[in-house]
Amino acid sequence: MSLIEAGELEASVSVVTLTEVYYKYLQEGRKDLALTRTEQIRCVPYIKKCLIDEETAIKAGEFKGKYGIPVADAFIAAAAHHEGATIISDDPDFKKISEVKVLTETEFHHEMKE
């Protein structure tokens, strides 16, 4: 059982991540996996889903304009900012955003060991 499943670590995901996951698998010609993976994310009860409200949408516009990142990344970063969450990603675009803490998966694991 993971720390998240055990309730020892909070996890959340922006609903925009569903778009990114679905699109990634469609690009690979795997609509079956696109449906399966997004449904898995949607149904996991111990992962909070971060919705996009008006304030978050405006913050996404700010991040898009300030850092020139893709709009989906801007929405994900804005959701993390709104929640006070850390983004775990290898996407270098997130590292451009000084207002949000971003760790790679390796950095996250290293930080967890400390």
PDB file of N, CA and C in Angstrom:
ATOM      1  N   MET A   1       0.842  -1.176   0.000  1.00  0.00           N
ATOM      2  CA  MET A   1       0.000   0.000   0.000  1.00  0.00           C
ATOM      3  C   MET A   1       0.889   1.241   0.000  1.00  0.00           C
ATOM      4  N   SER A   2       0.535   2.207  -0.825  1.00  0.00           N
ATOM      5  CA  SER A   2       1.327   3.429  -0.910  1.00  0.00           C
ATOM      6  C   SER A   2       0.995   4.367   0.240  1.00  0.00           C
ATOM      7  N   LEU A   3       1.861   5.355   0.448  1.00  0.00           N
ATOM      8  CA  LEU A   3       1.615   6.367   1.475  1.00  0.00           C
ATOM      9  C   LEU A   3       0.335   7.148   1.183  1.00  0.00           C
ATOM     10  N   ILE A   4       0.038   7.316  -0.086  1.00  0.00           N
ATOM     11  CA  ILE A   4      -1.187   8.021  -0.475  1.00  0.00           C
ATOM     12  C   ILE A   4      -2.407   7.180  -0.106  1.00  0.00           C
ATOM     13  N   GLU A   5      -2.387   5.925  -0.476  1.00  0.00           N
ATOM     14  CA  GLU A   5      -3.509   5.032  -0.159  1.00  0.00           C
ATOM     15  C   GLU A   5      -3.713   4.912   1.344  1.00  0.00           C
ATOM     16  N   ALA A   6      -2.616   4.954   2.102  1.00  0.00           N
ATOM     17  CA  ALA A   6      -2.687   4.833   3.557  1.00  0.00           C
ATOM     18  C   ALA A   6      -3.119   6.135   4.226  1.00  0.00           C
ATOM     19  N   GLY A   7      -3.235   7.208   3.447  1.00  0.00           N
ATOM     20  CA  GLY A   7      -3.640   8.489   4.007  1.00  0.00           C
ATOM     21  C   GLY A   7      -2.519   9.246   4.689  1.00  0.00           C
ATOM     22  N   GLU A   8      -1.273   8.813   4.503  1.00  0.00           N
ATOM     23  CA  GLU A   8      -0.123   9.466   5.120  1.00  0.00           C
ATOM     24  C   GLU A   8       0.446  10.597   4.262  1.00  0.00           C
ATOM     25  N   LEU A   9       0.021  10.654   3.013  1.00  0.00           N
ATOM     26  CA  LEU A   9       0.486  11.666   2.083  1.00  0.00           C
ATOM     27  C   LEU A   9      -0.696  12.060   1.205  1.00  0.00           C
ATOM     28  N   GLU A  10      -0.938  13.369   1.099  1.00  0.00           N
ATOM     29  CA  GLU A  10      -2.035  13.848   0.253  1.00  0.00           C
ATOM     30  C   GLU A  10      -1.569  13.932  -1.189  1.00  0.00           C
ATOM     31  N   ALA A  11      -2.462  13.581  -2.098  1.00  0.00           N
ATOM     32  CA  ALA A  11      -2.167  13.694  -3.521  1.00  0.00           C
ATOM     33  C   ALA A  11      -3.380  14.300  -4.220  1.00  0.00           C
ATOM     34  N   SER A  12      -3.087  15.088  -5.225  1.00  0.00           N
ATOM     35  CA  SER A  12      -4.163  15.664  -6.020  1.00  0.00           C
ATOM     36  C   SER A  12      -3.718  15.699  -7.470  1.00  0.00           C
ATOM     37  N   VAL A  13      -4.689  15.849  -8.329  1.00  0.00           N
ATOM     38  CA  VAL A  13      -4.413  15.931  -9.753  1.00  0.00           C
ATOM     39  C   VAL A  13      -5.365  16.959 -10.353  1.00  0.00           C
ATOM     40  N   SER A  14      -4.827  17.797 -11.221  1.00  0.00           N
ATOM     41  CA  SER A  14      -5.668  18.750 -11.931  1.00  0.00           C
ATOM     42  C   SER A  14      -6.504  17.992 -12.947  1.00  0.00           C
ATOM     43  N   VAL A  15      -7.746  18.397 -13.114  1.00  0.00           N
ATOM     44  CA  VAL A  15      -8.577  17.739 -14.118  1.00  0.00           C
ATOM     45  C   VAL A  15      -8.000  17.933 -15.522  1.00  0.00           C
ATOM     46  N   VAL A  16      -7.172  18.948 -15.703  1.00  0.00           N
ATOM     47  CA  VAL A  16      -6.527  19.165 -16.998  1.00  0.00           C
ATOM     48  C   VAL A  16      -5.570  18.016 -17.307  1.00  0.00           C
ATOM     49  N   THR A  17      -5.058  17.369 -16.296  1.00  0.00           N
ATOM     50  CA  THR A  17      -4.188  16.207 -16.494  1.00  0.00           C
ATOM     51  C   THR A  17      -4.935  15.105 -17.237  1.00  0.00           C
ATOM     52  N   LEU A  18      -6.235  15.014 -17.041  1.00  0.00           N
ATOM     53  CA  LEU A  18      -7.027  14.034 -17.790  1.00  0.00           C
ATOM     54  C   LEU A  18      -6.905  14.303 -19.289  1.00  0.00           C
ATOM     55  N   THR A  19      -6.935  15.562 -19.675  1.00  0.00           N
ATOM     56  CA  THR A  19      -6.767  15.932 -21.078  1.00  0.00           C
ATOM     57  C   THR A  19      -5.402  15.489 -21.580  1.00  0.00           C
ATOM     58  N   GLU A  20      -4.380  15.787 -20.808  1.00  0.00           N
ATOM     59  CA  GLU A  20      -3.010  15.447 -21.202  1.00  0.00           C
ATOM     60  C   GLU A  20      -2.819  13.932 -21.344  1.00  0.00           C
ATOM     61  N   VAL A  21      -3.323  13.173 -20.381  1.00  0.00           N
ATOM     62  CA  VAL A  21      -3.190  11.706 -20.417  1.00  0.00           C
ATOM     63  C   VAL A  21      -3.962  11.134 -21.608  1.00  0.00           C
ATOM     64  N   TYR A  22      -5.196  11.581 -21.766  1.00  0.00           N
ATOM     65  CA  TYR A  22      -6.020  11.084 -22.863  1.00  0.00           C
ATOM     66  C   TYR A  22      -5.356  11.362 -24.211  1.00  0.00           C
ATOM     67  N   TYR A  23      -4.896  12.594 -24.387  1.00  0.00           N
ATOM     68  CA  TYR A  23      -4.256  13.000 -25.638  1.00  0.00           C
ATOM     69  C   TYR A  23      -2.985  12.198 -25.914  1.00  0.00           C
ATOM     70  N   LYS A  24      -2.177  11.984 -24.887  1.00  0.00           N
ATOM     71  CA  LYS A  24      -0.919  11.238 -25.043  1.00  0.00           C
ATOM     72  C   LYS A  24      -1.171   9.849 -25.619  1.00  0.00           C
ATOM     73  N   TYR A  25      -2.155   9.154 -25.045  1.00  0.00           N
ATOM     74  CA  TYR A  25      -2.440   7.803 -25.529  1.00  0.00           C
ATOM     75  C   TYR A  25      -3.099   7.811 -26.906  1.00  0.00           C
ATOM     76  N   LEU A  26      -3.896   8.814 -27.225  1.00  0.00           N
ATOM     77  CA  LEU A  26      -4.467   8.917 -28.571  1.00  0.00           C
ATOM     78  C   LEU A  26      -3.363   9.123 -29.601  1.00  0.00           C
ATOM     79  N   GLN A  27      -2.351   9.917 -29.250  1.00  0.00           N
ATOM     80  CA  GLN A  27      -1.217  10.130 -30.162  1.00  0.00           C
ATOM     81  C   GLN A  27      -0.529   8.811 -30.478  1.00  0.00           C
ATOM     82  N   GLU A  28      -0.528   7.906 -29.521  1.00  0.00           N
ATOM     83  CA  GLU A  28       0.103   6.602 -29.705  1.00  0.00           C
ATOM     84  C   GLU A  28      -0.843   5.600 -30.362  1.00  0.00           C
ATOM     85  N   GLY A  29      -2.034   6.064 -30.736  1.00  0.00           N
ATOM     86  CA  GLY A  29      -3.008   5.175 -31.360  1.00  0.00           C
ATOM     87  C   GLY A  29      -3.650   4.209 -30.385  1.00  0.00           C
ATOM     88  N   ARG A  30      -3.690   4.563 -29.096  1.00  0.00           N
ATOM     89  CA  ARG A  30      -4.187   3.670 -28.049  1.00  0.00           C
ATOM     90  C   ARG A  30      -5.410   4.269 -27.350  1.00  0.00           C
ATOM     91  N   LYS A  31      -6.510   4.367 -28.070  1.00  0.00           N
ATOM     92  CA  LYS A  31      -7.723   4.906 -27.468  1.00  0.00           C
ATOM     93  C   LYS A  31      -8.165   4.054 -26.277  1.00  0.00           C
ATOM     94  N   ASP A  32      -7.922   2.740 -26.351  1.00  0.00           N
ATOM     95  CA  ASP A  32      -8.272   1.852 -25.242  1.00  0.00           C
ATOM     96  C   ASP A  32      -7.542   2.276 -23.965  1.00  0.00           C
ATOM     97  N   LEU A  33      -6.251   2.571 -24.075  1.00  0.00           N
ATOM     98  CA  LEU A  33      -5.481   3.015 -22.913  1.00  0.00           C
ATOM     99  C   LEU A  33      -5.873   4.421 -22.495  1.00  0.00           C
ATOM    100  N   ALA A  34      -6.211   5.264 -23.462  1.00  0.00           N
ATOM    101  CA  ALA A  34      -6.663   6.621 -23.132  1.00  0.00           C
ATOM    102  C   ALA A  34      -7.887   6.538 -22.227  1.00  0.00           C
ATOM    103  N   LEU A  35      -8.831   5.714 -22.594  1.00  0.00           N
ATOM    104  CA  LEU A  35     -10.048   5.548 -21.789  1.00  0.00           C
ATOM    105  C   LEU A  35      -9.744   4.901 -20.438  1.00  0.00           C
ATOM    106  N   THR A  36      -8.918   3.879 -20.438  1.00  0.00           N
ATOM    107  CA  THR A  36      -8.593   3.157 -19.204  1.00  0.00           C
ATOM    108  C   THR A  36      -7.855   4.044 -18.216  1.00  0.00           C
ATOM    109  N   ARG A  37      -6.816   4.731 -18.678  1.00  0.00           N
ATOM    110  CA  ARG A  37      -5.998   5.551 -17.770  1.00  0.00           C
ATOM    111  C   ARG A  37      -6.792   6.728 -17.203  1.00  0.00           C
ATOM    112  N   THR A  38      -7.562   7.393 -18.052  1.00  0.00           N
ATOM    113  CA  THR A  38      -8.332   8.525 -17.535  1.00  0.00           C
ATOM    114  C   THR A  38      -9.414   8.049 -16.568  1.00  0.00           C
ATOM    115  N   GLU A  39      -9.990   6.905 -16.833  1.00  0.00           N
ATOM    116  CA  GLU A  39     -11.001   6.377 -15.911  1.00  0.00           C
ATOM    117  C   GLU A  39     -10.357   5.993 -14.575  1.00  0.00           C
ATOM    118  N   GLN A  40      -9.145   5.442 -14.621  1.00  0.00           N
ATOM    119  CA  GLN A  40      -8.438   5.113 -13.375  1.00  0.00           C
ATOM    120  C   GLN A  40      -8.214   6.368 -12.536  1.00  0.00           C
ATOM    121  N   ILE A  41      -7.766   7.428 -13.175  1.00  0.00           N
ATOM    122  CA  ILE A  41      -7.525   8.683 -12.450  1.00  0.00           C
ATOM    123  C   ILE A  41      -8.835   9.214 -11.870  1.00  0.00           C
ATOM    124  N   ARG A  42      -9.886   9.177 -12.655  1.00  0.00           N
ATOM    125  CA  ARG A  42     -11.181   9.703 -12.216  1.00  0.00           C
ATOM    126  C   ARG A  42     -11.741   8.947 -11.023  1.00  0.00           C
ATOM    127  N   CYS A  43     -11.491   7.650 -10.958  1.00  0.00           N
ATOM    128  CA  CYS A  43     -12.151   6.803  -9.957  1.00  0.00           C
ATOM    129  C   CYS A  43     -11.365   6.592  -8.671  1.00  0.00           C
ATOM    130  N   VAL A  44     -10.125   6.990  -8.631  1.00  0.00           N
ATOM    131  CA  VAL A  44      -9.315   6.779  -7.430  1.00  0.00           C
ATOM    132  C   VAL A  44      -9.810   7.720  -6.329  1.00  0.00           C
ATOM    133  N   PRO A  45     -10.352   7.155  -5.250  1.00  0.00           N
ATOM    134  CA  PRO A  45     -10.953   8.005  -4.216  1.00  0.00           C
ATOM    135  C   PRO A  45      -9.941   8.757  -3.348  1.00  0.00           C
ATOM    136  N   TYR A  46      -8.712   8.296  -3.280  1.00  0.00           N
ATOM    137  CA  TYR A  46      -7.739   8.912  -2.387  1.00  0.00           C
ATOM    138  C   TYR A  46      -6.883   9.979  -3.078  1.00  0.00           C
ATOM    139  N   ILE A  47      -7.223  10.317  -4.316  1.00  0.00           N
ATOM    140  CA  ILE A  47      -6.548  11.405  -5.003  1.00  0.00           C
ATOM    141  C   ILE A  47      -7.580  12.499  -5.275  1.00  0.00           C
ATOM    142  N   LYS A  48      -7.319  13.677  -4.710  1.00  0.00           N
ATOM    143  CA  LYS A  48      -8.226  14.811  -4.879  1.00  0.00           C
ATOM    144  C   LYS A  48      -8.154  15.321  -6.316  1.00  0.00           C
ATOM    145  N   LYS A  49      -9.283  15.653  -6.884  1.00  0.00           N
ATOM    146  CA  LYS A  49      -9.337  16.217  -8.229  1.00  0.00           C
ATOM    147  C   LYS A  49      -9.467  17.738  -8.090  1.00  0.00           C
ATOM    148  N   CYS A  50      -8.526  18.475  -8.659  1.00  0.00           N
ATOM    149  CA  CYS A  50      -8.516  19.939  -8.602  1.00  0.00           C
ATOM    150  C   CYS A  50      -9.247  20.483  -9.821  1.00  0.00           C
ATOM    151  N   LEU A  51     -10.367  21.117  -9.555  1.00  0.00           N
ATOM    152  CA  LEU A  51     -11.165  21.694 -10.621  1.00  0.00           C
ATOM    153  C   LEU A  51     -10.644  23.080 -10.984  1.00  0.00           C
ATOM    154  N   ILE A  52     -11.071  23.570 -12.125  1.00  0.00           N
ATOM    155  CA  ILE A  52     -10.644  24.878 -12.583  1.00  0.00           C
ATOM    156  C   ILE A  52     -11.788  25.861 -12.355  1.00  0.00           C
ATOM    157  N   ASP A  53     -11.582  26.777 -11.429  1.00  0.00           N
ATOM    158  CA  ASP A  53     -12.570  27.832 -11.205  1.00  0.00           C
ATOM    159  C   ASP A  53     -12.062  29.105 -11.881  1.00  0.00           C
ATOM    160  N   GLU A  54     -12.818  30.188 -11.747  1.00  0.00           N
ATOM    161  CA  GLU A  54     -12.451  31.440 -12.414  1.00  0.00           C
ATOM    162  C   GLU A  54     -11.103  31.976 -11.946  1.00  0.00           C
ATOM    163  N   GLU A  55     -10.850  31.922 -10.647  1.00  0.00           N
ATOM    164  CA  GLU A  55      -9.581  32.418 -10.104  1.00  0.00           C
ATOM    165  C   GLU A  55      -8.402  31.621 -10.654  1.00  0.00           C
ATOM    166  N   THR A  56      -8.569  30.300 -10.710  1.00  0.00           N
ATOM    167  CA  THR A  56      -7.508  29.427 -11.232  1.00  0.00           C
ATOM    168  C   THR A  56      -7.296  29.684 -12.721  1.00  0.00           C
ATOM    169  N   ALA A  57      -8.383  29.917 -13.456  1.00  0.00           N
ATOM    170  CA  ALA A  57      -8.268  30.199 -14.890  1.00  0.00           C
ATOM    171  C   ALA A  57      -7.486  31.491 -15.132  1.00  0.00           C
ATOM    172  N   ILE A  58      -7.732  32.485 -14.325  1.00  0.00           N
ATOM    173  CA  ILE A  58      -7.006  33.756 -14.469  1.00  0.00           C
ATOM    174  C   ILE A  58      -5.528  33.571 -14.126  1.00  0.00           C
ATOM    175  N   LYS A  59      -5.248  32.810 -13.074  1.00  0.00           N
ATOM    176  CA  LYS A  59      -3.851  32.532 -12.709  1.00  0.00           C
ATOM    177  C   LYS A  59      -3.163  31.771 -13.843  1.00  0.00           C
ATOM    178  N   ALA A  60      -3.871  30.859 -14.484  1.00  0.00           N
ATOM    179  CA  ALA A  60      -3.301  30.123 -15.625  1.00  0.00           C
ATOM    180  C   ALA A  60      -2.928  31.093 -16.744  1.00  0.00           C
ATOM    181  N   GLY A  61      -3.794  32.073 -16.985  1.00  0.00           N
ATOM    182  CA  GLY A  61      -3.471  33.086 -17.989  1.00  0.00           C
ATOM    183  C   GLY A  61      -2.233  33.877 -17.625  1.00  0.00           C
ATOM    184  N   GLU A  62      -2.101  34.177 -16.341  1.00  0.00           N
ATOM    185  CA  GLU A  62      -0.910  34.886 -15.860  1.00  0.00           C
ATOM    186  C   GLU A  62       0.348  34.054 -16.114  1.00  0.00           C
ATOM    187  N   PHE A  63       0.301  32.770 -15.750  1.00  0.00           N
ATOM    188  CA  PHE A  63       1.459  31.891 -15.949  1.00  0.00           C
ATOM    189  C   PHE A  63       1.780  31.726 -17.440  1.00  0.00           C
ATOM    190  N   LYS A  64       0.751  31.576 -18.259  1.00  0.00           N
ATOM    191  CA  LYS A  64       0.945  31.431 -19.704  1.00  0.00           C
ATOM    192  C   LYS A  64       1.644  32.672 -20.259  1.00  0.00           C
ATOM    193  N   GLY A  65       1.151  33.843 -19.862  1.00  0.00           N
ATOM    194  CA  GLY A  65       1.738  35.086 -20.356  1.00  0.00           C
ATOM    195  C   GLY A  65       3.132  35.344 -19.824  1.00  0.00           C
ATOM    196  N   LYS A  66       3.343  35.068 -18.552  1.00  0.00           N
ATOM    197  CA  LYS A  66       4.623  35.371 -17.905  1.00  0.00           C
ATOM    198  C   LYS A  66       5.736  34.417 -18.324  1.00  0.00           C
ATOM    199  N   TYR A  67       5.390  33.116 -18.496  1.00  0.00           N
ATOM    200  CA  TYR A  67       6.428  32.111 -18.732  1.00  0.00           C
ATOM    201  C   TYR A  67       6.394  31.485 -20.126  1.00  0.00           C
ATOM    202  N   GLY A  68       5.359  31.798 -20.925  1.00  0.00           N
ATOM    203  CA  GLY A  68       5.293  31.266 -22.283  1.00  0.00           C
ATOM    204  C   GLY A  68       5.188  29.751 -22.352  1.00  0.00           C
ATOM    205  N   ILE A  69       4.491  29.176 -21.392  1.00  0.00           N
ATOM    206  CA  ILE A  69       4.346  27.718 -21.330  1.00  0.00           C
ATOM    207  C   ILE A  69       3.046  27.292 -22.027  1.00  0.00           C
ATOM    208  N   PRO A  70       2.922  26.011 -22.379  1.00  0.00           N
ATOM    209  CA  PRO A  70       1.676  25.540 -22.971  1.00  0.00           C
ATOM    210  C   PRO A  70       0.487  25.788 -22.036  1.00  0.00           C
ATOM    211  N   VAL A  71      -0.668  26.033 -22.623  1.00  0.00           N
ATOM    212  CA  VAL A  71      -1.843  26.386 -21.828  1.00  0.00           C
ATOM    213  C   VAL A  71      -2.229  25.274 -20.843  1.00  0.00           C
ATOM    214  N   ALA A  72      -2.099  24.013 -21.242  1.00  0.00           N
ATOM    215  CA  ALA A  72      -2.431  22.924 -20.313  1.00  0.00           C
ATOM    216  C   ALA A  72      -1.509  22.959 -19.096  1.00  0.00           C
ATOM    217  N   ASP A  73      -0.225  23.196 -19.316  1.00  0.00           N
ATOM    218  CA  ASP A  73       0.723  23.295 -18.203  1.00  0.00           C
ATOM    219  C   ASP A  73       0.387  24.487 -17.314  1.00  0.00           C
ATOM    220  N   ALA A  74      -0.058  25.580 -17.944  1.00  0.00           N
ATOM    221  CA  ALA A  74      -0.436  26.759 -17.168  1.00  0.00           C
ATOM    222  C   ALA A  74      -1.621  26.451 -16.254  1.00  0.00           C
ATOM    223  N   PHE A  75      -2.601  25.712 -16.759  1.00  0.00           N
ATOM    224  CA  PHE A  75      -3.754  25.330 -15.943  1.00  0.00           C
ATOM    225  C   PHE A  75      -3.347  24.397 -14.804  1.00  0.00           C
ATOM    226  N   ILE A  76      -2.492  23.447 -15.090  1.00  0.00           N
ATOM    227  CA  ILE A  76      -2.033  22.507 -14.059  1.00  0.00           C
ATOM    228  C   ILE A  76      -1.255  23.260 -12.980  1.00  0.00           C
ATOM    229  N   ALA A  77      -0.374  24.153 -13.396  1.00  0.00           N
ATOM    230  CA  ALA A  77       0.405  24.943 -12.433  1.00  0.00           C
ATOM    231  C   ALA A  77      -0.499  25.848 -11.609  1.00  0.00           C
ATOM    232  N   ALA A  78      -1.485  26.446 -12.242  1.00  0.00           N
ATOM    233  CA  ALA A  78      -2.411  27.325 -11.522  1.00  0.00           C
ATOM    234  C   ALA A  78      -3.218  26.536 -10.494  1.00  0.00           C
ATOM    235  N   ALA A  79      -3.623  25.317 -10.840  1.00  0.00           N
ATOM    236  CA  ALA A  79      -4.352  24.474  -9.892  1.00  0.00           C
ATOM    237  C   ALA A  79      -3.461  24.131  -8.708  1.00  0.00           C
ATOM    238  N   ALA A  80      -2.188  23.813  -8.976  1.00  0.00           N
ATOM    239  CA  ALA A  80      -1.242  23.520  -7.896  1.00  0.00           C
ATOM    240  C   ALA A  80      -1.036  24.749  -7.025  1.00  0.00           C
ATOM    241  N   HIS A  81      -0.909  25.899  -7.630  1.00  0.00           N
ATOM    242  CA  HIS A  81      -0.737  27.155  -6.897  1.00  0.00           C
ATOM    243  C   HIS A  81      -1.935  27.401  -5.992  1.00  0.00           C
ATOM    244  N   HIS A  82      -3.123  27.225  -6.529  1.00  0.00           N
ATOM    245  CA  HIS A  82      -4.365  27.433  -5.775  1.00  0.00           C
ATOM    246  C   HIS A  82      -4.443  26.499  -4.566  1.00  0.00           C
ATOM    247  N   GLU A  83      -3.969  25.266  -4.738  1.00  0.00           N
ATOM    248  CA  GLU A  83      -4.017  24.259  -3.672  1.00  0.00           C
ATOM    249  C   GLU A  83      -2.816  24.323  -2.736  1.00  0.00           C
ATOM    250  N   GLY A  84      -1.784  25.076  -3.109  1.00  0.00           N
ATOM    251  CA  GLY A  84      -0.550  25.076  -2.330  1.00  0.00           C
ATOM    252  C   GLY A  84       0.177  23.754  -2.455  1.00  0.00           C
ATOM    253  N   ALA A  85       0.022  23.138  -3.615  1.00  0.00           N
ATOM    254  CA  ALA A  85       0.576  21.796  -3.847  1.00  0.00           C
ATOM    255  C   ALA A  85       1.903  21.868  -4.597  1.00  0.00           C
ATOM    256  N   THR A  86       2.652  20.790  -4.500  1.00  0.00           N
ATOM    257  CA  THR A  86       3.893  20.614  -5.247  1.00  0.00           C
ATOM    258  C   THR A  86       3.585  19.834  -6.508  1.00  0.00           C
ATOM    259  N   ILE A  87       4.128  20.273  -7.619  1.00  0.00           N
ATOM    260  CA  ILE A  87       3.973  19.536  -8.872  1.00  0.00           C
ATOM    261  C   ILE A  87       5.096  18.518  -8.957  1.00  0.00           C
ATOM    262  N   ILE A  88       4.735  17.272  -9.259  1.00  0.00           N
ATOM    263  CA  ILE A  88       5.724  16.218  -9.487  1.00  0.00           C
ATOM    264  C   ILE A  88       5.697  15.933 -10.983  1.00  0.00           C
ATOM    265  N   SER A  89       6.749  16.347 -11.681  1.00  0.00           N
ATOM    266  CA  SER A  89       6.783  16.193 -13.130  1.00  0.00           C
ATOM    267  C   SER A  89       8.202  16.356 -13.643  1.00  0.00           C
ATOM    268  N   ASP A  90       8.486  15.691 -14.756  1.00  0.00           N
ATOM    269  CA  ASP A  90       9.763  15.852 -15.441  1.00  0.00           C
ATOM    270  C   ASP A  90       9.673  16.904 -16.552  1.00  0.00           C
ATOM    271  N   ASP A  91       8.500  17.497 -16.723  1.00  0.00           N
ATOM    272  CA  ASP A  91       8.288  18.503 -17.758  1.00  0.00           C
ATOM    273  C   ASP A  91       9.042  19.779 -17.376  1.00  0.00           C
ATOM    274  N   PRO A  92      10.044  20.180 -18.160  1.00  0.00           N
ATOM    275  CA  PRO A  92      10.852  21.350 -17.807  1.00  0.00           C
ATOM    276  C   PRO A  92      10.071  22.668 -17.800  1.00  0.00           C
ATOM    277  N   ASP A  93       8.927  22.728 -18.463  1.00  0.00           N
ATOM    278  CA  ASP A  93       8.131  23.956 -18.455  1.00  0.00           C
ATOM    279  C   ASP A  93       7.700  24.331 -17.042  1.00  0.00           C
ATOM    280  N   PHE A  94       7.415  23.337 -16.209  1.00  0.00           N
ATOM    281  CA  PHE A  94       6.983  23.633 -14.846  1.00  0.00           C
ATOM    282  C   PHE A  94       8.093  24.284 -14.022  1.00  0.00           C
ATOM    283  N   LYS A  95       9.333  23.939 -14.303  1.00  0.00           N
ATOM    284  CA  LYS A  95      10.467  24.498 -13.556  1.00  0.00           C
ATOM    285  C   LYS A  95      10.635  25.996 -13.793  1.00  0.00           C
ATOM    286  N   LYS A  96      10.028  26.517 -14.846  1.00  0.00           N
ATOM    287  CA  LYS A  96      10.102  27.951 -15.152  1.00  0.00           C
ATOM    288  C   LYS A  96       9.264  28.779 -14.180  1.00  0.00           C
ATOM    289  N   ILE A  97       8.308  28.167 -13.527  1.00  0.00           N
ATOM    290  CA  ILE A  97       7.312  28.890 -12.732  1.00  0.00           C
ATOM    291  C   ILE A  97       7.785  29.006 -11.290  1.00  0.00           C
ATOM    292  N   SER A  98       8.226  30.187 -10.914  1.00  0.00           N
ATOM    293  CA  SER A  98       8.794  30.388  -9.581  1.00  0.00           C
ATOM    294  C   SER A  98       7.740  30.361  -8.476  1.00  0.00           C
ATOM    295  N   GLU A  99       6.488  30.583  -8.817  1.00  0.00           N
ATOM    296  CA  GLU A  99       5.427  30.642  -7.809  1.00  0.00           C
ATOM    297  C   GLU A  99       4.941  29.269  -7.344  1.00  0.00           C
ATOM    298  N   VAL A 100       5.411  28.218  -7.986  1.00  0.00           N
ATOM    299  CA  VAL A 100       4.968  26.858  -7.662  1.00  0.00           C
ATOM    300  C   VAL A 100       6.186  25.973  -7.416  1.00  0.00           C
ATOM    301  N   LYS A 101       6.114  25.158  -6.376  1.00  0.00           N
ATOM    302  CA  LYS A 101       7.200  24.205  -6.123  1.00  0.00           C
ATOM    303  C   LYS A 101       7.047  23.029  -7.092  1.00  0.00           C
ATOM    304  N   VAL A 102       8.151  22.687  -7.737  1.00  0.00           N
ATOM    305  CA  VAL A 102       8.154  21.612  -8.721  1.00  0.00           C
ATOM    306  C   VAL A 102       9.311  20.681  -8.428  1.00  0.00           C
ATOM    307  N   LEU A 103       9.036  19.398  -8.390  1.00  0.00           N
ATOM    308  CA  LEU A 103      10.063  18.382  -8.196  1.00  0.00           C
ATOM    309  C   LEU A 103       9.934  17.320  -9.281  1.00  0.00           C
ATOM    310  N   THR A 104      11.062  16.808  -9.739  1.00  0.00           N
ATOM    311  CA  THR A 104      11.007  15.622 -10.587  1.00  0.00           C
ATOM    312  C   THR A 104      10.664  14.443  -9.682  1.00  0.00           C
ATOM    313  N   GLU A 105      10.330  13.336 -10.276  1.00  0.00           N
ATOM    314  CA  GLU A 105      10.016  12.155  -9.472  1.00  0.00           C
ATOM    315  C   GLU A 105      11.222  11.740  -8.630  1.00  0.00           C
ATOM    316  N   THR A 106      12.410  11.825  -9.205  1.00  0.00           N
ATOM    317  CA  THR A 106      13.634  11.483  -8.477  1.00  0.00           C
ATOM    318  C   THR A 106      13.848  12.435  -7.298  1.00  0.00           C
ATOM    319  N   GLU A 107      13.668  13.738  -7.538  1.00  0.00           N
ATOM    320  CA  GLU A 107      13.813  14.719  -6.466  1.00  0.00           C
ATOM    321  C   GLU A 107      12.793  14.479  -5.353  1.00  0.00           C
ATOM    322  N   PHE A 108      11.577  14.140  -5.761  1.00  0.00           N
ATOM    323  CA  PHE A 108      10.523  13.860  -4.786  1.00  0.00           C
ATOM    324  C   PHE A 108      10.902  12.668  -3.913  1.00  0.00           C
ATOM    325  N   HIS A 109      11.350  11.592  -4.520  1.00  0.00           N
ATOM    326  CA  HIS A 109      11.743  10.401  -3.745  1.00  0.00           C
ATOM    327  C   HIS A 109      12.903  10.727  -2.807  1.00  0.00           C
ATOM    328  N   HIS A 110      13.855  11.508  -3.295  1.00  0.00           N
ATOM    329  CA  HIS A 110      14.986  11.903  -2.469  1.00  0.00           C
ATOM    330  C   HIS A 110      14.511  12.738  -1.272  1.00  0.00           C
ATOM    331  N   GLU A 111      13.597  13.667  -1.522  1.00  0.00           N
ATOM    332  CA  GLU A 111      13.070  14.513  -0.454  1.00  0.00           C
ATOM    333  C   GLU A 111      12.284  13.692   0.572  1.00  0.00           C
ATOM    334  N   MET A 112      11.605  12.662   0.118  1.00  0.00           N
ATOM    335  CA  MET A 112      10.825  11.810   1.015  1.00  0.00           C
ATOM    336  C   MET A 112      11.727  11.012   1.959  1.00  0.00           C
ATOM    337  N   LYS A 113      12.932  10.700   1.507  1.00  0.00           N
ATOM    338  CA  LYS A 113      13.874   9.919   2.313  1.00  0.00           C
ATOM    339  C   LYS A 113      14.508  10.748   3.414  1.00  0.00           C
ATOM    340  N   GLU A 114      14.531  12.065   3.225  1.00  0.00           N
ATOM    341  CA  GLU A 114      15.196  12.952   4.196  1.00  0.00           C
ATOM    342  C   GLU A 114      14.412  13.085   5.466  1.00  0.00           C
TER     343      GLU A 114
END
